[in-house]
Amino acid sequence: MGLTPNVVEGIDWFFSQVPMGIIFEDDCIPDPTFFTFCAELLMKYQDDERIMHISGNNFQNGQVRGDGSYYFSHYSHSWGWATWRRAWTQYHGSVANFETYYREDCIHELTLSPRAKKFWLKVLRNTAIWDSRWLYTTWYARGLSILPNQNLVSNIGFGSDATHTKEYTAQMNLKNTPLTSITHPNKIEVNTQADEYTFQTMFYLPLWRRCIYKIRAIISPIV
C-alpha cells in the first residue's frame, strides 16, 4: 500500500472503534510514563476542540518551556502520540481543501516566523506524507498540539534501511526521562520560542547543508 495510505487507513479504522487513543510506531521506545501522560491529557482535553494532538516527543535540548510539565505548540511530532476521533475525522477534509488554505494565505494566522511560514507552504505543497498532512490538518482546524517538557519516546529507526529517516540526526535515540507528576500550564497558548527553536534545529536547512544534500544525491547513483 505504501507508508501514507497504510498509516491513514489504519488510523481511520482505529477511530471507527474508539473515541480516543494512542498511536505508536514500531521503531519507537516509550518510557512507561508516556502512557500515563497521554491517558491523563486525553481525558482532560477530550472536549476542548482547540487541542488536537498529544506528543511524547521533546526536542528542546533541556530547555523547559512554560510553567507546566508540557507546553502548547503548532508542531505535531508523531513518534508516539495520541488524539481523539473528533480531531482525526478532520484529516481527509482538510487535505482536500489545501488549495483554498494556500490561496487565502491562512498560514499567516499562525504565530510562526515569516521564514517558517514560507518554508511550510513550500513543503506542504510538495509532499504527500501522512504526518505533514496531519500537521496541516491541525493548522487548518486552528488546533494546537501538546508537547512534554521532557522526552518520553525515543526513535531508534534511523539508518539506510529506513523509509524516511535515512540520515542520522540529533533527534535519534534520545534518552527518555520518566515523568513523575503532571503539572498543567496556567494558559493555553503557543510557546513561540519553542516553536522557532524547533524550526531552526529540526526543519530549516542552511544553504551549505542544502548544497551538501544535492551533491550527495548526484554522486550516490554514480557510486
N, C-alpha and C. Protein backbone atom coordinates (compact mmCIF):
# COMPACT_ATOMS: atom_id res chain seq x y z
N MET A 1 0.82 -1.22 0.00
CA MET A 1 0.00 0.00 0.00
C MET A 1 0.85 1.27 0.00
N GLY A 2 2.04 1.18 0.55
CA GLY A 2 2.85 2.38 0.75
C GLY A 2 2.60 2.94 2.14
N LEU A 3 3.55 3.72 2.63
CA LEU A 3 3.51 4.16 4.01
C LEU A 3 2.28 5.01 4.32
N THR A 4 2.06 6.08 3.55
CA THR A 4 0.98 7.00 3.90
C THR A 4 -0.41 6.36 3.84
N PRO A 5 -0.79 5.68 2.74
CA PRO A 5 -2.12 5.04 2.74
C PRO A 5 -2.28 4.02 3.86
N ASN A 6 -1.21 3.30 4.17
CA ASN A 6 -1.28 2.27 5.20
C ASN A 6 -1.55 2.89 6.58
N VAL A 7 -0.78 3.94 6.90
CA VAL A 7 -0.95 4.60 8.20
C VAL A 7 -2.34 5.23 8.30
N VAL A 8 -2.72 5.95 7.27
CA VAL A 8 -4.01 6.66 7.31
C VAL A 8 -5.17 5.68 7.43
N GLU A 9 -5.15 4.61 6.65
CA GLU A 9 -6.23 3.62 6.72
C GLU A 9 -6.27 2.98 8.11
N GLY A 10 -5.08 2.72 8.66
CA GLY A 10 -5.02 2.12 10.00
C GLY A 10 -5.62 3.03 11.06
N ILE A 11 -5.29 4.31 10.99
CA ILE A 11 -5.84 5.25 11.98
C ILE A 11 -7.33 5.48 11.76
N ASP A 12 -7.76 5.49 10.50
CA ASP A 12 -9.19 5.58 10.21
C ASP A 12 -9.93 4.44 10.90
N TRP A 13 -9.41 3.22 10.73
CA TRP A 13 -10.05 2.05 11.35
C TRP A 13 -10.04 2.18 12.88
N PHE A 14 -8.90 2.59 13.42
CA PHE A 14 -8.75 2.72 14.87
C PHE A 14 -9.84 3.60 15.46
N PHE A 15 -10.06 4.77 14.85
CA PHE A 15 -11.05 5.69 15.40
C PHE A 15 -12.48 5.38 14.97
N SER A 16 -12.65 4.36 14.15
CA SER A 16 -14.00 3.84 13.95
C SER A 16 -14.40 2.92 15.10
N GLN A 17 -13.39 2.54 15.91
CA GLN A 17 -13.63 1.61 17.02
C GLN A 17 -13.64 2.31 18.38
N VAL A 18 -12.84 3.37 18.53
CA VAL A 18 -12.68 4.02 19.84
C VAL A 18 -12.74 5.53 19.68
N PRO A 19 -13.12 6.29 20.74
CA PRO A 19 -13.21 7.75 20.65
C PRO A 19 -11.90 8.47 20.89
N MET A 20 -10.91 7.78 21.45
CA MET A 20 -9.61 8.40 21.71
C MET A 20 -8.58 7.30 21.85
N GLY A 21 -7.31 7.62 21.65
CA GLY A 21 -6.31 6.58 21.80
C GLY A 21 -4.91 7.03 21.44
N ILE A 22 -3.96 6.10 21.59
CA ILE A 22 -2.54 6.34 21.36
C ILE A 22 -2.11 5.64 20.08
N ILE A 23 -1.31 6.32 19.27
CA ILE A 23 -0.76 5.76 18.03
C ILE A 23 0.75 5.66 18.21
N PHE A 24 1.28 4.49 17.89
CA PHE A 24 2.69 4.24 18.20
C PHE A 24 3.37 3.55 17.04
N GLU A 25 4.56 4.00 16.67
CA GLU A 25 5.32 3.39 15.59
C GLU A 25 6.22 2.28 16.13
N ASP A 26 6.50 1.31 15.27
CA ASP A 26 7.21 0.11 15.74
C ASP A 26 8.70 0.33 15.96
N ASP A 27 9.24 1.48 15.56
CA ASP A 27 10.66 1.74 15.78
C ASP A 27 10.88 2.78 16.89
N CYS A 28 9.91 2.91 17.77
CA CYS A 28 10.00 3.86 18.87
C CYS A 28 9.92 3.13 20.22
N ILE A 29 10.66 3.65 21.18
CA ILE A 29 10.69 3.06 22.52
C ILE A 29 10.15 4.07 23.51
N PRO A 30 9.05 3.75 24.22
CA PRO A 30 8.47 4.70 25.17
C PRO A 30 8.99 4.49 26.59
N ASP A 31 9.04 5.56 27.35
CA ASP A 31 9.09 5.41 28.79
C ASP A 31 7.67 5.05 29.23
N PRO A 32 7.51 4.17 30.21
CA PRO A 32 6.15 3.79 30.63
C PRO A 32 5.26 4.97 31.02
N THR A 33 5.87 6.06 31.51
CA THR A 33 5.06 7.22 31.92
C THR A 33 4.48 7.97 30.72
N PHE A 34 4.94 7.64 29.51
CA PHE A 34 4.32 8.21 28.31
C PHE A 34 2.84 7.87 28.26
N PHE A 35 2.51 6.64 28.61
CA PHE A 35 1.11 6.20 28.55
C PHE A 35 0.26 6.87 29.64
N THR A 36 0.85 7.08 30.81
CA THR A 36 0.15 7.81 31.88
C THR A 36 -0.11 9.25 31.45
N PHE A 37 0.91 9.86 30.84
CA PHE A 37 0.82 11.24 30.34
C PHE A 37 -0.32 11.36 29.33
N CYS A 38 -0.33 10.48 28.34
CA CYS A 38 -1.37 10.53 27.31
C CYS A 38 -2.75 10.28 27.91
N ALA A 39 -2.85 9.29 28.80
CA ALA A 39 -4.16 8.95 29.37
C ALA A 39 -4.76 10.12 30.12
N GLU A 40 -3.95 10.80 30.94
CA GLU A 40 -4.48 11.93 31.71
C GLU A 40 -4.89 13.08 30.81
N LEU A 41 -4.07 13.38 29.80
CA LEU A 41 -4.38 14.53 28.94
C LEU A 41 -5.49 14.22 27.95
N LEU A 42 -5.61 12.97 27.53
CA LEU A 42 -6.75 12.61 26.68
C LEU A 42 -8.07 12.87 27.40
N MET A 43 -8.11 12.58 28.68
CA MET A 43 -9.32 12.82 29.45
C MET A 43 -9.52 14.30 29.74
N LYS A 44 -8.44 14.98 30.10
CA LYS A 44 -8.54 16.41 30.48
C LYS A 44 -9.04 17.27 29.31
N TYR A 45 -8.54 16.97 28.09
CA TYR A 45 -8.85 17.83 26.95
C TYR A 45 -9.81 17.18 25.95
N GLN A 46 -10.52 16.15 26.36
CA GLN A 46 -11.36 15.44 25.40
C GLN A 46 -12.46 16.31 24.79
N ASP A 47 -12.91 17.32 25.50
CA ASP A 47 -13.97 18.18 24.98
C ASP A 47 -13.47 19.56 24.55
N ASP A 48 -12.16 19.76 24.58
CA ASP A 48 -11.57 21.04 24.19
C ASP A 48 -11.08 20.92 22.75
N GLU A 49 -11.86 21.42 21.82
CA GLU A 49 -11.56 21.24 20.40
C GLU A 49 -10.33 22.01 19.94
N ARG A 50 -9.80 22.89 20.79
CA ARG A 50 -8.56 23.57 20.45
C ARG A 50 -7.38 22.61 20.45
N ILE A 51 -7.45 21.57 21.27
CA ILE A 51 -6.35 20.63 21.42
C ILE A 51 -6.60 19.43 20.52
N MET A 52 -5.65 19.15 19.61
CA MET A 52 -5.84 18.08 18.62
C MET A 52 -4.80 16.98 18.68
N HIS A 53 -3.72 17.20 19.41
CA HIS A 53 -2.60 16.26 19.32
C HIS A 53 -1.82 16.29 20.63
N ILE A 54 -1.46 15.11 21.12
CA ILE A 54 -0.61 14.96 22.31
C ILE A 54 0.60 14.14 21.89
N SER A 55 1.80 14.70 22.04
CA SER A 55 3.01 14.02 21.62
C SER A 55 3.83 13.56 22.82
N GLY A 56 4.66 12.54 22.61
CA GLY A 56 5.60 12.12 23.64
C GLY A 56 7.00 12.62 23.40
N ASN A 57 7.16 13.46 22.38
CA ASN A 57 8.49 13.91 21.96
C ASN A 57 8.85 15.30 22.48
N ASN A 58 10.10 15.45 22.87
CA ASN A 58 10.64 16.76 23.22
C ASN A 58 11.99 16.92 22.53
N PHE A 59 12.12 18.00 21.75
CA PHE A 59 13.35 18.27 21.02
C PHE A 59 13.93 19.64 21.40
N GLN A 60 13.77 20.02 22.66
CA GLN A 60 14.21 21.33 23.13
C GLN A 60 15.58 21.30 23.81
N ASN A 61 16.22 20.14 23.80
CA ASN A 61 17.59 20.03 24.34
C ASN A 61 17.73 20.55 25.76
N GLY A 62 16.80 20.17 26.61
CA GLY A 62 16.88 20.50 28.02
C GLY A 62 16.26 21.82 28.42
N GLN A 63 15.78 22.60 27.45
CA GLN A 63 15.14 23.88 27.77
C GLN A 63 13.68 23.64 28.18
N VAL A 64 13.32 24.09 29.35
CA VAL A 64 11.95 23.94 29.84
C VAL A 64 11.12 25.11 29.34
N ARG A 65 9.99 24.80 28.76
CA ARG A 65 9.13 25.83 28.16
C ARG A 65 7.86 26.00 28.99
N GLY A 66 7.61 27.22 29.46
CA GLY A 66 6.39 27.50 30.20
C GLY A 66 6.46 27.06 31.65
N ASP A 67 5.29 26.98 32.28
CA ASP A 67 5.20 26.73 33.72
C ASP A 67 4.60 25.37 34.05
N GLY A 68 4.54 24.48 33.06
CA GLY A 68 3.93 23.17 33.31
C GLY A 68 4.83 22.03 32.88
N SER A 69 4.29 20.82 32.97
CA SER A 69 5.00 19.64 32.51
C SER A 69 4.98 19.51 30.99
N TYR A 70 4.21 20.36 30.35
CA TYR A 70 4.09 20.36 28.89
C TYR A 70 3.77 21.77 28.42
N TYR A 71 3.92 21.99 27.13
CA TYR A 71 3.59 23.29 26.55
C TYR A 71 2.79 23.08 25.27
N PHE A 72 2.24 24.16 24.75
CA PHE A 72 1.41 24.10 23.55
C PHE A 72 2.20 24.59 22.34
N SER A 73 1.96 23.92 21.22
CA SER A 73 2.79 24.14 20.04
C SER A 73 1.97 24.04 18.76
N HIS A 74 2.53 24.61 17.67
CA HIS A 74 1.96 24.39 16.34
C HIS A 74 2.50 23.10 15.72
N TYR A 75 3.48 22.45 16.35
CA TYR A 75 4.11 21.28 15.77
C TYR A 75 3.59 19.98 16.39
N SER A 76 3.22 19.05 15.51
CA SER A 76 2.62 17.79 15.97
C SER A 76 3.60 16.63 15.77
N HIS A 77 4.62 16.56 16.60
CA HIS A 77 5.58 15.46 16.49
C HIS A 77 4.86 14.12 16.69
N SER A 78 5.19 13.15 15.86
CA SER A 78 4.36 11.93 15.82
C SER A 78 5.13 10.64 16.06
N TRP A 79 6.23 10.70 16.80
CA TRP A 79 6.92 9.46 17.19
C TRP A 79 6.37 9.03 18.55
N GLY A 80 5.15 8.59 18.55
CA GLY A 80 4.43 8.27 19.78
C GLY A 80 3.53 9.44 20.13
N TRP A 81 2.22 9.27 19.88
CA TRP A 81 1.30 10.40 20.07
C TRP A 81 -0.10 9.88 20.34
N ALA A 82 -0.97 10.81 20.67
CA ALA A 82 -2.36 10.45 20.97
C ALA A 82 -3.29 11.54 20.45
N THR A 83 -4.52 11.14 20.16
CA THR A 83 -5.51 12.12 19.72
C THR A 83 -6.91 11.54 19.92
N TRP A 84 -7.90 12.27 19.41
CA TRP A 84 -9.30 11.90 19.57
C TRP A 84 -9.93 11.69 18.20
N ARG A 85 -10.99 10.92 18.17
CA ARG A 85 -11.76 10.76 16.93
C ARG A 85 -12.20 12.11 16.39
N ARG A 86 -12.65 13.01 17.29
CA ARG A 86 -13.14 14.33 16.87
C ARG A 86 -12.08 15.11 16.09
N ALA A 87 -10.79 14.87 16.40
CA ALA A 87 -9.71 15.55 15.69
C ALA A 87 -9.35 14.83 14.39
N TRP A 88 -9.20 13.50 14.47
CA TRP A 88 -8.75 12.76 13.29
C TRP A 88 -9.78 12.79 12.16
N THR A 89 -11.05 12.86 12.47
CA THR A 89 -12.07 12.88 11.41
C THR A 89 -11.93 14.10 10.51
N GLN A 90 -11.16 15.10 10.91
CA GLN A 90 -10.95 16.29 10.09
C GLN A 90 -9.84 16.11 9.05
N TYR A 91 -9.12 14.99 9.15
CA TYR A 91 -7.95 14.79 8.30
C TYR A 91 -8.27 14.85 6.81
N HIS A 92 -9.19 14.04 6.34
CA HIS A 92 -9.44 13.95 4.90
C HIS A 92 -10.01 15.25 4.33
N GLY A 93 -10.91 15.88 5.06
CA GLY A 93 -11.50 17.13 4.58
C GLY A 93 -10.47 18.24 4.46
N SER A 94 -9.56 18.31 5.43
CA SER A 94 -8.56 19.36 5.39
C SER A 94 -7.60 19.17 4.21
N VAL A 95 -7.22 17.92 3.98
CA VAL A 95 -6.31 17.64 2.86
C VAL A 95 -6.97 18.04 1.54
N ALA A 96 -8.25 17.75 1.40
CA ALA A 96 -8.96 18.11 0.17
C ALA A 96 -9.05 19.61 -0.02
N ASN A 97 -9.01 20.36 1.06
CA ASN A 97 -9.17 21.82 0.97
C ASN A 97 -7.86 22.59 1.04
N PHE A 98 -6.73 21.92 0.80
CA PHE A 98 -5.45 22.61 0.94
C PHE A 98 -5.30 23.78 -0.01
N GLU A 99 -5.75 23.63 -1.24
CA GLU A 99 -5.57 24.72 -2.20
C GLU A 99 -6.27 26.00 -1.74
N THR A 100 -7.43 25.86 -1.11
CA THR A 100 -8.11 27.04 -0.57
C THR A 100 -7.30 27.65 0.55
N TYR A 101 -6.77 26.81 1.44
CA TYR A 101 -5.92 27.29 2.54
C TYR A 101 -4.72 28.05 1.98
N TYR A 102 -4.11 27.51 0.95
CA TYR A 102 -2.94 28.13 0.33
C TYR A 102 -3.31 29.45 -0.35
N ARG A 103 -4.38 29.42 -1.11
CA ARG A 103 -4.79 30.59 -1.88
C ARG A 103 -5.19 31.75 -0.97
N GLU A 104 -5.84 31.45 0.14
CA GLU A 104 -6.29 32.50 1.05
C GLU A 104 -5.23 32.87 2.09
N ASP A 105 -4.03 32.26 1.98
CA ASP A 105 -2.90 32.63 2.82
C ASP A 105 -3.21 32.48 4.31
N CYS A 106 -3.94 31.43 4.65
CA CYS A 106 -4.39 31.24 6.03
C CYS A 106 -3.24 30.93 6.99
N ILE A 107 -2.09 30.56 6.46
CA ILE A 107 -0.97 30.22 7.33
C ILE A 107 -0.53 31.41 8.17
N HIS A 108 -0.87 32.61 7.73
CA HIS A 108 -0.45 33.80 8.47
C HIS A 108 -1.22 33.97 9.78
N GLU A 109 -2.21 33.12 10.03
CA GLU A 109 -2.87 33.13 11.33
C GLU A 109 -1.99 32.51 12.41
N LEU A 110 -0.99 31.72 11.99
CA LEU A 110 -0.13 31.03 12.94
C LEU A 110 0.94 31.97 13.49
N THR A 111 1.37 31.69 14.73
CA THR A 111 2.41 32.51 15.35
C THR A 111 3.79 31.92 15.05
N LEU A 112 4.03 31.59 13.79
CA LEU A 112 5.33 31.13 13.33
C LEU A 112 6.08 32.30 12.71
N SER A 113 7.39 32.17 12.60
CA SER A 113 8.18 33.22 11.98
C SER A 113 7.89 33.27 10.48
N PRO A 114 8.11 34.42 9.83
CA PRO A 114 7.89 34.52 8.37
C PRO A 114 8.67 33.47 7.60
N ARG A 115 9.89 33.18 8.01
CA ARG A 115 10.70 32.17 7.32
C ARG A 115 10.07 30.79 7.46
N ALA A 116 9.56 30.49 8.66
CA ALA A 116 8.92 29.18 8.88
C ALA A 116 7.66 29.06 8.03
N LYS A 117 6.85 30.11 7.96
CA LYS A 117 5.63 30.06 7.16
C LYS A 117 5.94 29.81 5.68
N LYS A 118 6.93 30.51 5.18
CA LYS A 118 7.33 30.33 3.78
C LYS A 118 7.82 28.90 3.54
N PHE A 119 8.60 28.40 4.47
CA PHE A 119 9.12 27.03 4.37
C PHE A 119 8.00 26.01 4.35
N TRP A 120 7.03 26.14 5.26
CA TRP A 120 5.98 25.13 5.37
C TRP A 120 5.00 25.17 4.21
N LEU A 121 4.74 26.35 3.66
CA LEU A 121 3.87 26.39 2.48
C LEU A 121 4.50 25.62 1.32
N LYS A 122 5.81 25.75 1.18
CA LYS A 122 6.51 25.02 0.12
C LYS A 122 6.48 23.52 0.39
N VAL A 123 6.76 23.13 1.63
CA VAL A 123 6.77 21.71 1.99
C VAL A 123 5.40 21.09 1.79
N LEU A 124 4.37 21.76 2.27
CA LEU A 124 3.03 21.20 2.22
C LEU A 124 2.51 21.08 0.79
N ARG A 125 2.96 21.95 -0.08
CA ARG A 125 2.54 21.86 -1.49
C ARG A 125 3.23 20.72 -2.21
N ASN A 126 4.36 20.25 -1.67
CA ASN A 126 5.17 19.29 -2.40
C ASN A 126 5.36 17.96 -1.68
N THR A 127 4.52 17.67 -0.71
CA THR A 127 4.64 16.39 -0.02
C THR A 127 3.27 15.77 0.19
N ALA A 128 3.26 14.45 0.16
CA ALA A 128 2.02 13.72 0.43
C ALA A 128 2.19 12.80 1.63
N ILE A 129 3.23 13.03 2.43
CA ILE A 129 3.48 12.19 3.60
C ILE A 129 2.41 12.45 4.65
N TRP A 130 1.92 11.40 5.27
CA TRP A 130 0.77 11.50 6.17
C TRP A 130 1.00 12.46 7.32
N ASP A 131 2.23 12.47 7.93
CA ASP A 131 2.40 13.31 9.10
C ASP A 131 2.46 14.79 8.76
N SER A 132 2.94 15.12 7.54
CA SER A 132 2.89 16.52 7.10
C SER A 132 1.44 16.93 6.88
N ARG A 133 0.64 16.02 6.33
CA ARG A 133 -0.77 16.32 6.11
C ARG A 133 -1.52 16.43 7.45
N TRP A 134 -1.11 15.64 8.43
CA TRP A 134 -1.74 15.75 9.75
C TRP A 134 -1.34 17.07 10.42
N LEU A 135 -0.09 17.47 10.26
CA LEU A 135 0.34 18.77 10.76
C LEU A 135 -0.53 19.87 10.17
N TYR A 136 -0.70 19.82 8.85
CA TYR A 136 -1.55 20.80 8.19
C TYR A 136 -2.99 20.73 8.68
N THR A 137 -3.50 19.52 8.94
CA THR A 137 -4.87 19.37 9.45
C THR A 137 -5.06 20.14 10.75
N THR A 138 -4.09 20.06 11.65
CA THR A 138 -4.21 20.80 12.91
C THR A 138 -4.20 22.29 12.65
N TRP A 139 -3.43 22.75 11.68
CA TRP A 139 -3.42 24.18 11.35
C TRP A 139 -4.74 24.61 10.71
N TYR A 140 -5.23 23.79 9.81
CA TYR A 140 -6.48 24.09 9.12
C TYR A 140 -7.63 24.25 10.11
N ALA A 141 -7.60 23.42 11.15
CA ALA A 141 -8.66 23.45 12.17
C ALA A 141 -8.37 24.44 13.30
N ARG A 142 -7.25 25.18 13.15
CA ARG A 142 -6.82 26.13 14.20
C ARG A 142 -6.62 25.41 15.54
N GLY A 143 -6.07 24.21 15.44
CA GLY A 143 -5.84 23.41 16.64
C GLY A 143 -4.41 23.54 17.14
N LEU A 144 -4.18 23.01 18.34
CA LEU A 144 -2.87 23.05 18.97
C LEU A 144 -2.42 21.65 19.34
N SER A 145 -1.11 21.50 19.51
CA SER A 145 -0.52 20.25 19.96
C SER A 145 0.06 20.44 21.35
N ILE A 146 0.11 19.35 22.10
CA ILE A 146 0.75 19.33 23.41
C ILE A 146 2.07 18.59 23.29
N LEU A 147 3.15 19.22 23.79
CA LEU A 147 4.46 18.60 23.79
C LEU A 147 5.01 18.59 25.21
N PRO A 148 5.59 17.47 25.66
CA PRO A 148 6.08 17.38 27.03
C PRO A 148 7.38 18.17 27.21
N ASN A 149 7.67 18.57 28.43
CA ASN A 149 8.91 19.28 28.72
C ASN A 149 10.09 18.34 28.98
N GLN A 150 9.89 17.06 28.76
CA GLN A 150 10.97 16.08 28.80
C GLN A 150 10.63 14.99 27.81
N ASN A 151 11.63 14.34 27.27
CA ASN A 151 11.38 13.36 26.22
C ASN A 151 10.84 12.05 26.81
N LEU A 152 9.73 11.58 26.24
CA LEU A 152 9.08 10.36 26.73
C LEU A 152 9.13 9.22 25.72
N VAL A 153 9.55 9.51 24.48
CA VAL A 153 9.61 8.49 23.43
C VAL A 153 10.90 8.65 22.63
N SER A 154 11.62 7.56 22.44
CA SER A 154 12.87 7.58 21.69
C SER A 154 12.70 6.83 20.38
N ASN A 155 13.11 7.45 19.28
CA ASN A 155 13.03 6.83 17.96
C ASN A 155 14.38 6.20 17.62
N ILE A 156 14.39 4.88 17.41
CA ILE A 156 15.63 4.18 17.07
C ILE A 156 15.64 3.75 15.60
N GLY A 157 14.66 4.22 14.83
CA GLY A 157 14.52 3.75 13.45
C GLY A 157 15.24 4.60 12.43
N PHE A 158 16.49 4.95 12.68
CA PHE A 158 17.28 5.73 11.73
C PHE A 158 18.28 4.82 11.03
N GLY A 159 18.56 5.11 9.76
CA GLY A 159 19.57 4.34 9.04
C GLY A 159 19.22 4.14 7.58
N SER A 160 20.09 3.52 6.85
CA SER A 160 19.93 3.37 5.40
C SER A 160 18.72 2.53 5.01
N ASP A 161 18.25 1.66 5.92
CA ASP A 161 17.11 0.81 5.59
C ASP A 161 15.77 1.43 6.02
N ALA A 162 15.80 2.66 6.53
CA ALA A 162 14.57 3.34 6.94
C ALA A 162 13.83 3.88 5.72
N THR A 163 12.52 4.13 5.88
CA THR A 163 11.73 4.69 4.78
C THR A 163 12.04 6.15 4.56
N HIS A 164 12.05 6.94 5.64
CA HIS A 164 12.31 8.38 5.52
C HIS A 164 13.51 8.84 6.34
N THR A 165 13.70 8.26 7.53
CA THR A 165 14.76 8.74 8.43
C THR A 165 16.09 8.05 8.12
N LYS A 166 16.58 8.27 6.92
CA LYS A 166 17.83 7.64 6.48
C LYS A 166 19.05 8.37 7.04
N GLU A 167 18.94 9.69 7.18
CA GLU A 167 20.04 10.50 7.69
C GLU A 167 20.03 10.49 9.21
N TYR A 168 21.20 10.29 9.81
CA TYR A 168 21.30 10.36 11.26
C TYR A 168 21.21 11.81 11.71
N THR A 169 20.39 12.07 12.74
CA THR A 169 20.17 13.42 13.21
C THR A 169 20.29 13.47 14.73
N ALA A 170 20.23 14.70 15.25
CA ALA A 170 20.32 14.89 16.70
C ALA A 170 19.07 14.37 17.41
N GLN A 171 18.01 14.07 16.66
CA GLN A 171 16.76 13.59 17.27
C GLN A 171 16.72 12.06 17.43
N MET A 172 17.71 11.36 16.92
CA MET A 172 17.68 9.90 17.01
C MET A 172 18.13 9.43 18.39
N ASN A 173 17.55 8.32 18.83
CA ASN A 173 17.98 7.64 20.06
C ASN A 173 18.04 8.55 21.28
N LEU A 174 17.15 9.51 21.36
CA LEU A 174 17.16 10.41 22.51
C LEU A 174 16.82 9.65 23.79
N LYS A 175 17.44 10.07 24.87
CA LYS A 175 17.17 9.44 26.16
C LYS A 175 15.77 9.82 26.64
N ASN A 176 15.04 8.84 27.16
CA ASN A 176 13.74 9.10 27.77
C ASN A 176 13.93 9.46 29.25
N THR A 177 13.08 10.37 29.73
CA THR A 177 13.11 10.77 31.14
C THR A 177 11.75 10.51 31.75
N PRO A 178 11.65 9.68 32.78
CA PRO A 178 10.35 9.38 33.40
C PRO A 178 9.67 10.65 33.92
N LEU A 179 8.36 10.72 33.74
CA LEU A 179 7.57 11.84 34.22
C LEU A 179 6.91 11.43 35.54
N THR A 180 7.37 11.99 36.65
CA THR A 180 6.89 11.55 37.96
C THR A 180 5.56 12.17 38.35
N SER A 181 5.26 13.36 37.81
CA SER A 181 3.98 14.02 38.08
C SER A 181 3.67 14.96 36.93
N ILE A 182 2.41 15.34 36.82
CA ILE A 182 1.99 16.23 35.73
C ILE A 182 1.46 17.54 36.30
N THR A 183 2.11 18.63 35.90
CA THR A 183 1.67 19.98 36.26
C THR A 183 1.10 20.64 35.01
N HIS A 184 -0.14 21.09 35.06
CA HIS A 184 -0.77 21.67 33.89
C HIS A 184 -0.43 23.16 33.76
N PRO A 185 -0.15 23.64 32.55
CA PRO A 185 0.15 25.06 32.36
C PRO A 185 -1.03 25.94 32.76
N ASN A 186 -0.73 27.17 33.14
CA ASN A 186 -1.79 28.11 33.53
C ASN A 186 -2.56 28.64 32.34
N LYS A 187 -1.92 28.69 31.17
CA LYS A 187 -2.57 29.25 29.98
C LYS A 187 -2.46 28.29 28.81
N ILE A 188 -3.47 28.32 27.96
CA ILE A 188 -3.40 27.57 26.70
C ILE A 188 -3.01 28.56 25.60
N GLU A 189 -1.72 28.59 25.32
CA GLU A 189 -1.20 29.46 24.27
C GLU A 189 0.10 28.87 23.72
N VAL A 190 0.37 29.13 22.46
CA VAL A 190 1.55 28.57 21.80
C VAL A 190 2.82 29.18 22.39
N ASN A 191 3.80 28.33 22.64
CA ASN A 191 5.11 28.82 23.06
C ASN A 191 5.92 29.10 21.80
N THR A 192 5.95 30.36 21.40
CA THR A 192 6.57 30.73 20.12
C THR A 192 8.08 30.52 20.14
N GLN A 193 8.71 30.72 21.29
CA GLN A 193 10.16 30.49 21.37
C GLN A 193 10.49 29.02 21.11
N ALA A 194 9.71 28.13 21.70
CA ALA A 194 9.93 26.70 21.48
C ALA A 194 9.72 26.33 20.02
N ASP A 195 8.68 26.87 19.41
CA ASP A 195 8.39 26.55 18.01
C ASP A 195 9.49 27.05 17.08
N GLU A 196 10.02 28.24 17.34
CA GLU A 196 11.09 28.76 16.49
C GLU A 196 12.36 27.93 16.68
N TYR A 197 12.61 27.50 17.90
CA TYR A 197 13.78 26.64 18.16
C TYR A 197 13.62 25.33 17.40
N THR A 198 12.43 24.75 17.42
CA THR A 198 12.16 23.52 16.69
C THR A 198 12.39 23.72 15.20
N PHE A 199 11.90 24.81 14.67
CA PHE A 199 12.06 25.08 13.24
C PHE A 199 13.54 25.19 12.87
N GLN A 200 14.29 25.95 13.66
CA GLN A 200 15.70 26.19 13.33
C GLN A 200 16.55 24.94 13.48
N THR A 201 16.24 24.08 14.44
CA THR A 201 17.09 22.92 14.71
C THR A 201 16.65 21.65 14.01
N MET A 202 15.37 21.55 13.65
CA MET A 202 14.87 20.32 13.04
C MET A 202 14.54 20.42 11.56
N PHE A 203 14.03 21.56 11.13
CA PHE A 203 13.45 21.64 9.80
C PHE A 203 14.21 22.52 8.82
N TYR A 204 14.70 23.66 9.28
CA TYR A 204 15.32 24.60 8.36
C TYR A 204 16.75 24.18 8.03
N LEU A 205 17.06 24.11 6.75
CA LEU A 205 18.40 23.74 6.31
C LEU A 205 19.12 24.96 5.76
N PRO A 206 20.23 25.37 6.37
CA PRO A 206 21.02 26.47 5.80
C PRO A 206 21.50 26.11 4.40
N LEU A 207 21.90 27.11 3.63
CA LEU A 207 22.30 26.90 2.24
C LEU A 207 23.41 25.86 2.11
N TRP A 208 24.40 25.90 3.00
CA TRP A 208 25.52 24.98 2.88
C TRP A 208 25.08 23.52 3.05
N ARG A 209 24.10 23.28 3.93
CA ARG A 209 23.62 21.92 4.13
C ARG A 209 22.80 21.46 2.92
N ARG A 210 22.01 22.38 2.34
CA ARG A 210 21.24 22.03 1.16
C ARG A 210 22.17 21.65 0.00
N CYS A 211 23.29 22.37 -0.13
CA CYS A 211 24.26 22.08 -1.19
C CYS A 211 24.87 20.69 -1.00
N ILE A 212 25.19 20.34 0.25
CA ILE A 212 25.76 19.02 0.54
C ILE A 212 24.79 17.91 0.15
N TYR A 213 23.50 18.09 0.51
CA TYR A 213 22.50 17.07 0.19
C TYR A 213 22.33 16.91 -1.32
N LYS A 214 22.39 18.04 -2.06
CA LYS A 214 22.25 17.95 -3.51
C LYS A 214 23.44 17.24 -4.14
N ILE A 215 24.64 17.53 -3.63
CA ILE A 215 25.84 16.86 -4.13
C ILE A 215 25.76 15.36 -3.87
N ARG A 216 25.32 14.99 -2.65
CA ARG A 216 25.17 13.57 -2.31
C ARG A 216 24.19 12.88 -3.24
N ALA A 217 23.09 13.58 -3.55
CA ALA A 217 22.06 13.00 -4.42
C ALA A 217 22.59 12.76 -5.82
N ILE A 218 23.51 13.63 -6.27
CA ILE A 218 24.09 13.48 -7.61
C ILE A 218 25.13 12.36 -7.63
N ILE A 219 25.95 12.31 -6.58
CA ILE A 219 27.05 11.35 -6.54
C ILE A 219 26.58 9.94 -6.24
N SER A 220 25.56 9.80 -5.38
CA SER A 220 25.14 8.49 -4.90
C SER A 220 24.83 7.49 -6.02
N PRO A 221 24.06 7.86 -7.07
CA PRO A 221 23.77 6.88 -8.13
C PRO A 221 25.03 6.46 -8.89
N ILE A 222 25.99 7.39 -8.98
CA ILE A 222 27.23 7.10 -9.71
C ILE A 222 28.08 6.11 -8.95
N VAL A 223 28.18 6.35 -7.62
CA VAL A 223 29.00 5.47 -6.79
C VAL A 223 28.35 4.09 -6.65
